[in-house]
C-alpha cells in the first residue's frame, strides 16, 4: 500500500449504512486490533489503490508526457538478484 504522508486529519466523510453492515465492520476492526475509523480508512485506501491500479488509460499533459518518455528512455539497471529470481526455477517447479 502507498504510504500516506503524515498530515493532520482534517477531512471528513459521512457514510450511511445499515446496522448489520456497521456491526460487521466493527467486528472486523476489532479483529484487526484497530478502531473503527482507522479500519474504514485503511480498507478504503486499499480498495482505492486497487481500483486505480486497474486503470488502463492515463492522461498526461505535455510536460508529464515528456518526463514519462524520458524515464522510459533511460538505460536499464542490471539487478543480479532480480535476474536470478526470474531465471531460476521456482519452488513449485523443483
Protein backbone atom coordinates (compact mmCIF):
# COMPACT_ATOMS: atom_id res chain seq x y z
CA UNK A 1 0.00 0.00 0.00
CA UNK A 2 1.15 3.52 -0.77
CA UNK A 3 2.46 5.34 2.27
CA UNK A 4 0.32 8.33 3.15
CA UNK A 5 2.28 11.38 4.25
CA UNK A 6 1.91 12.27 7.89
CA UNK A 7 -0.54 15.10 7.75
CA UNK A 8 -3.27 16.14 10.09
CA UNK A 9 -6.63 14.55 9.53
CA UNK A 10 -8.94 17.43 8.79
CA UNK A 11 -11.30 15.98 6.19
CA UNK A 12 -14.43 14.00 6.95
CA UNK A 13 -16.61 11.57 5.01
CA UNK A 14 -20.07 10.65 6.29
CA UNK A 15 -21.40 7.23 5.36
CA UNK A 16 -24.90 5.90 5.91
CA UNK A 17 -25.11 2.16 6.44
CA UNK A 18 -27.37 -0.48 7.84
CA UNK A 19 -26.99 -1.65 11.44
CA UNK A 20 -25.85 -5.07 10.21
CA UNK A 21 -23.20 -3.56 7.91
CA UNK A 22 -21.91 -1.42 10.78
CA UNK A 23 -21.78 -4.44 13.07
CA UNK A 24 -19.71 -6.41 10.52
CA UNK A 25 -17.27 -3.53 10.07
CA UNK A 26 -16.97 -3.08 13.85
CA UNK A 27 -16.23 -6.79 14.27
CA UNK A 28 -13.60 -6.65 11.54
CA UNK A 29 -11.97 -3.60 13.15
CA UNK A 30 -11.91 -5.41 16.47
CA UNK A 31 -10.34 -8.47 14.84
CA UNK A 32 -7.72 -6.21 13.24
CA UNK A 33 -6.96 -4.62 16.64
CA UNK A 34 -7.77 -1.12 15.43
CA UNK A 35 -10.53 1.39 15.89
CA UNK A 36 -13.46 1.70 13.52
CA UNK A 37 -12.30 4.92 11.84
CA UNK A 38 -8.79 3.63 11.17
CA UNK A 39 -10.14 0.32 9.86
CA UNK A 40 -12.56 2.05 7.46
CA UNK A 41 -9.84 4.47 6.33
CA UNK A 42 -7.24 1.77 5.67
CA UNK A 43 -9.75 -0.53 3.96
CA UNK A 44 -10.95 2.33 1.75
CA UNK A 45 -7.40 3.33 0.82
CA UNK A 46 -6.55 -0.26 -0.09
CA UNK A 47 -9.62 -0.57 -2.31
CA UNK A 48 -8.91 2.84 -3.86
CA UNK A 49 -5.36 1.79 -4.75
CA UNK A 50 -6.66 -1.44 -6.30
CA UNK A 51 -9.23 0.48 -8.35
CA UNK A 52 -6.61 2.97 -9.52
CA UNK A 53 -4.14 0.21 -10.41
CA UNK A 54 -6.69 -1.32 -12.78
CA UNK A 55 -6.82 1.78 -14.94
CA UNK A 56 -5.63 1.17 -18.46
CA UNK A 57 -5.66 4.75 -19.72
CA UNK A 58 -3.67 7.60 -18.32
CA UNK A 59 -3.92 11.19 -19.45
CA UNK A 60 -0.80 13.31 -19.20
CA UNK A 61 -0.17 16.89 -20.15
CA UNK A 62 2.83 17.67 -22.40
CA UNK A 63 5.25 18.19 -19.51
CA UNK A 64 4.19 14.97 -17.74
CA UNK A 65 4.42 13.07 -21.05
CA UNK A 66 7.96 14.32 -21.69
CA UNK A 67 9.05 13.28 -18.19
CA UNK A 68 7.44 9.87 -18.67
CA UNK A 69 9.17 9.31 -22.02
CA UNK A 70 12.50 10.44 -20.55
CA UNK A 71 12.15 7.83 -17.79
CA UNK A 72 11.34 5.13 -20.34
CA UNK A 73 14.38 6.10 -22.41
CA UNK A 74 16.82 5.76 -19.50
CA UNK A 75 19.11 2.73 -19.70
CA UNK A 76 18.14 -0.20 -17.55
CA UNK A 77 19.98 -1.11 -14.39
CA UNK A 78 21.17 -4.69 -14.00
CA UNK A 79 19.96 -6.17 -10.72
CA UNK A 80 21.63 -9.57 -10.26
CA UNK A 81 19.20 -10.76 -7.60
CA UNK A 82 16.26 -9.95 -9.85
CA UNK A 83 17.88 -11.75 -12.80
CA UNK A 84 18.38 -14.86 -10.61
CA UNK A 85 14.79 -14.66 -9.41
CA UNK A 86 13.47 -14.51 -12.96
CA UNK A 87 15.73 -17.25 -14.40
CA UNK A 88 15.89 -19.88 -11.66
CA UNK A 89 13.04 -22.38 -11.33
CA UNK A 90 10.53 -21.54 -8.64
CA UNK A 91 9.98 -23.72 -5.59
CA UNK A 92 6.89 -25.12 -7.30
CA UNK A 93 8.88 -26.15 -10.38
CA UNK A 94 11.57 -28.04 -8.50
